[in-house]
Protein backbone atom coordinates (compact mmCIF):
# COMPACT_ATOMS: atom_id res chain seq x y z
CA MET A 1 27.48 13.83 31.28
CA PHE A 2 30.17 14.64 28.30
CA SER A 3 31.35 17.94 28.38
CA LEU A 4 34.03 19.73 25.96
CA ASP A 5 36.13 21.06 29.04
CA GLU A 6 36.68 17.49 30.52
CA PHE A 7 37.58 16.41 26.85
CA HIS A 8 40.45 19.07 26.84
CA ARG A 9 41.39 18.11 30.17
CA CYS A 10 41.68 14.54 28.92
CA TYR A 11 42.92 14.76 25.48
CA GLU A 12 46.11 17.06 23.63
CA THR A 13 44.24 17.97 20.01
CA VAL A 14 44.89 19.61 17.00
CA VAL A 15 42.02 21.02 14.90
CA THR A 16 41.80 19.73 11.41
CA PRO A 17 39.87 22.15 8.92
CA LEU A 18 38.06 20.25 5.91
CA THR A 19 35.69 21.25 3.15
CA ILE A 20 32.94 18.71 2.34
CA ASP A 21 30.77 19.56 -0.87
CA GLY A 22 31.74 23.27 -0.22
CA ARG A 23 30.48 23.24 3.70
CA SER A 24 33.65 23.70 6.24
CA LEU A 25 34.06 21.92 9.20
CA ASN A 26 36.56 21.07 11.87
CA LEU A 27 37.39 18.21 13.28
CA TYR A 28 39.21 17.60 16.46
CA THR A 29 42.08 15.09 16.04
CA PRO A 30 44.93 13.72 18.43
CA LYS A 31 47.90 15.61 18.72
CA SER A 32 49.73 12.23 19.20
CA ILE A 33 48.17 8.57 18.92
CA ASP A 34 51.03 7.37 21.14
CA ARG A 35 48.96 7.13 24.02
CA PHE A 36 46.47 5.17 22.13
CA ILE A 37 49.07 2.55 21.36
CA ASP A 38 49.88 -0.78 23.47
CA SER A 39 53.47 -0.83 24.30
CA LYS A 40 53.30 -4.70 24.28
CA ASP A 41 51.88 -4.91 21.17
CA ALA A 42 51.49 -1.98 18.75
CA MET A 43 49.30 -4.07 16.46
CA ALA A 44 46.53 -5.03 18.78
CA GLY A 45 43.73 -2.50 18.98
CA PHE A 46 45.90 0.23 16.90
CA PRO A 47 44.15 3.45 17.04
CA LEU A 48 42.71 3.50 13.23
CA TRP A 49 39.81 5.57 14.71
CA ALA A 50 42.34 8.25 15.07
CA LYS A 51 43.48 9.28 11.16
CA ILE A 52 40.76 10.85 8.86
CA TRP A 53 40.91 8.45 6.03
CA GLU A 54 40.26 9.11 2.72
CA ALA A 55 37.46 6.84 2.21
CA SER A 56 35.88 8.94 4.57
CA THR A 57 35.55 12.25 2.71
CA VAL A 58 34.64 10.48 -0.06
CA LEU A 59 31.34 9.25 1.63
CA ALA A 60 31.13 12.39 3.47
CA GLY A 61 31.22 14.10 0.36
CA TYR A 62 28.40 11.59 -1.12
CA LEU A 63 26.02 12.21 1.68
CA ALA A 64 26.48 15.78 1.53
CA ARG A 65 24.85 15.63 -2.02
CA GLN A 66 22.18 13.43 -1.31
CA PRO A 67 19.74 15.54 1.31
CA ALA A 68 17.73 13.50 3.58
CA HIS A 69 14.13 13.44 3.30
CA ALA A 70 12.11 14.22 6.42
CA HIS A 71 13.53 12.41 9.69
CA GLU A 72 15.42 9.64 7.59
CA THR A 73 17.45 8.05 10.07
CA LEU A 74 21.00 6.89 9.54
CA LEU A 75 23.84 4.23 11.55
CA GLU A 76 27.51 5.14 10.87
CA ILE A 77 29.44 2.16 11.92
CA GLY A 78 33.10 2.57 12.54
CA CYS A 79 32.59 6.22 12.96
CA GLY A 80 36.18 7.04 13.99
CA LEU A 81 36.63 11.03 14.46
CA GLY A 82 33.05 11.65 13.19
CA LEU A 83 33.38 13.38 9.92
CA VAL A 84 30.79 11.00 7.91
CA GLY A 85 28.23 11.64 10.28
CA ILE A 86 28.54 15.37 10.51
CA ALA A 87 28.67 15.79 7.03
CA ALA A 88 25.25 13.32 7.05
CA ALA A 89 23.83 15.37 9.87
CA LYS A 90 24.36 18.61 8.14
CA ALA A 91 22.30 17.15 4.86
CA GLY A 92 19.53 16.34 7.09
CA TYR A 93 19.91 13.20 8.60
CA ARG A 94 19.15 11.77 11.80
CA VAL A 95 22.58 10.78 12.84
CA THR A 96 23.76 7.82 15.48
CA MET A 97 27.56 7.26 14.95
CA THR A 98 28.74 4.40 16.52
CA GLU A 99 32.54 2.96 17.75
CA ILE A 100 33.52 0.57 19.87
CA ASP A 101 36.79 1.95 21.43
CA PRO A 102 36.01 4.84 24.27
CA HIS A 103 38.89 7.11 22.78
CA ALA A 104 37.13 7.33 19.58
CA LEU A 105 33.50 8.10 21.44
CA ASN A 106 34.99 11.03 22.95
CA PHE A 107 36.49 12.31 19.94
CA ALA A 108 33.24 11.68 17.93
CA ARG A 109 31.16 13.67 20.44
CA ALA A 110 33.63 16.42 20.79
CA ASN A 111 33.33 16.75 16.82
CA ALA A 112 29.81 16.87 17.01
CA LEU A 113 29.32 19.41 19.15
CA ILE A 114 32.41 22.18 17.68
CA ASN A 115 30.10 21.47 14.07
CA ASP A 116 27.06 22.27 15.90
CA CYS A 117 25.71 19.05 15.87
CA PRO A 118 24.53 18.42 19.09
CA GLU A 119 21.50 16.54 18.03
CA ILE A 120 23.70 13.18 16.75
CA VAL A 121 23.71 10.54 19.03
CA VAL A 122 27.18 8.70 19.88
CA GLU A 123 26.94 5.03 21.28
CA ARG A 124 28.90 2.03 21.79
CA LEU A 125 28.86 -0.15 19.18
CA ASP A 126 30.72 -4.07 19.61
CA TRP A 127 29.85 -5.50 16.35
CA ASN A 128 29.83 -8.99 17.87
CA ALA A 129 27.23 -8.12 20.69
CA PRO A 130 25.50 -5.10 19.12
CA GLY A 131 23.22 -3.38 21.64
CA VAL A 132 22.40 -0.24 19.76
CA LYS A 133 18.34 0.21 19.34
CA GLY A 134 16.00 0.59 16.49
CA HIS A 135 16.47 -0.22 12.56
CA TYR A 136 17.59 2.66 10.22
CA GLU A 137 17.06 3.64 6.40
CA THR A 138 20.89 4.19 5.84
CA ILE A 139 23.73 2.46 7.41
CA ALA A 140 27.13 4.21 6.29
CA GLY A 141 30.69 3.17 6.92
CA SER A 142 33.99 3.85 5.46
CA GLU A 143 36.81 1.36 5.69
CA THR A 144 35.26 -1.05 7.52
CA ILE A 145 36.42 -4.31 6.27
CA TYR A 146 39.89 -4.91 7.63
CA LYS A 147 39.92 -8.63 8.49
CA PRO A 148 37.95 -11.80 7.25
CA GLU A 149 36.13 -12.28 10.57
CA ASP A 150 34.63 -8.99 10.02
CA ILE A 151 32.31 -10.09 7.76
CA ASP A 152 30.15 -12.34 9.57
CA SER A 153 29.81 -9.74 12.03
CA LEU A 154 28.95 -7.20 9.28
CA GLU A 155 26.34 -9.56 7.56
CA ALA A 156 24.36 -9.64 10.91
CA LEU A 157 24.79 -6.24 11.67
CA PHE A 158 22.93 -5.42 8.40
CA ASP A 159 20.52 -8.06 9.30
CA ARG A 160 19.83 -6.59 12.69
CA TYR A 161 19.48 -2.72 11.88
CA LEU A 162 18.83 -2.01 8.10
CA ASP A 163 15.58 -0.87 7.60
CA PRO A 164 13.77 -3.59 4.72
CA LYS A 165 13.70 -0.50 2.39
CA GLY A 166 16.69 0.53 3.43
CA THR A 167 20.45 1.77 1.61
CA ILE A 168 23.82 0.85 2.63
CA VAL A 169 26.60 2.93 1.70
CA LEU A 170 30.09 1.88 2.17
CA SER A 171 33.48 3.62 1.16
CA ALA A 172 36.70 1.90 0.93
CA GLU A 173 40.16 1.67 -0.88
CA ILE A 174 40.44 -1.64 -2.49
CA ARG A 175 42.07 -4.58 -0.82
CA GLY A 176 42.14 -7.76 -0.86
CA THR A 177 39.37 -8.72 1.99
CA ASP A 178 37.13 -6.88 0.27
CA VAL A 179 36.61 -9.31 -2.60
CA ASP A 180 35.13 -11.98 -0.17
CA PHE A 181 33.10 -9.65 1.22
CA TRP A 182 31.26 -8.53 -2.11
CA ARG A 183 30.83 -12.01 -3.18
CA ARG A 184 28.99 -12.50 0.23
CA MET A 185 26.59 -9.65 -0.58
CA GLU A 186 26.06 -10.29 -3.87
CA PRO A 187 23.31 -12.78 -3.36
CA ARG A 188 21.33 -10.89 -1.15
CA TYR A 189 21.86 -7.16 -2.36
CA HIS A 190 21.69 -5.14 -5.52
CA ILE A 191 25.33 -3.30 -5.55
CA GLN A 192 26.32 -0.14 -7.27
CA ALA A 193 29.93 0.52 -7.28
CA ARG A 194 31.71 3.54 -8.56
CA ARG A 195 35.25 4.70 -8.19
CA GLN A 196 36.75 8.30 -7.29
CA THR A 197 40.17 8.87 -7.64
CA LEU A 198 41.91 11.18 -5.21
CA ARG A 199 45.18 12.87 -5.98
CA SER A 200 47.84 14.52 -3.50
CA ASP A 201 51.50 15.05 -3.36
CA GLN A 202 51.77 11.72 -2.22
CA GLY A 203 50.37 10.26 -5.45
CA GLU A 204 47.00 8.79 -6.23
CA LYS A 205 44.20 6.88 -4.06
CA HIS A 206 41.16 4.76 -5.31
CA ILE A 207 38.10 4.81 -3.54
CA ALA A 208 35.38 2.91 -4.38
CA LEU A 209 31.90 3.98 -3.34
CA PHE A 210 29.40 1.36 -3.00
CA ARG A 211 25.70 1.60 -2.45
CA LEU A 212 23.64 -2.02 -1.69
CA LYS A 213 20.10 -2.22 -1.70
CA PRO A 214 18.30 -5.73 -0.13
CA ARG A 215 17.00 -7.90 -3.17
CA ASP A 216 13.46 -8.79 -2.80
CA ARG A 217 13.02 -11.94 -0.89
CA HIS A 218 9.57 -13.02 -2.68
């Protein structure tokens, strides 16, 4: 049984406040990522989950402005610290957040609790051997496409979990790998895209938000 007391015994954290569509949230983030990095191969299993990505804030804001209909289910893939799933739960979705890294799962569970979302389900999901059950009316994810080999797994994941009339919502900073992904998706999905520019002291970042609806196969 997960508990915040045990979580704090295991991890040193800092609290990061955020405002998503006018709603104040707090996220536990690791004080340091050193313990999560493989000293023999820093790039193997690098803890990408431990950062609040700009694309996650864009996706969280979008879902916060799209109130769920009664009992609408949402599956978040690669939830990281849990920001998107928490924002969706606040908007009325019945949320299942998923990750493969056990530390990420613990942070997601803790963040769901401190944001008063104990009803969020948090489960381990291996894209190559998915074990989560059910179908979902919305599948959401941010910064999910980093490697070409992820494309096959994602396509199979959508086939397995998306309700036939459902919607996929993805956000990402545009990268070369994304082009191959969208070429793969276009014959099977109606795709709408829009770009949002985020400005900070570090400069500008252009984040794309995509909505995918299955094409009629009849």
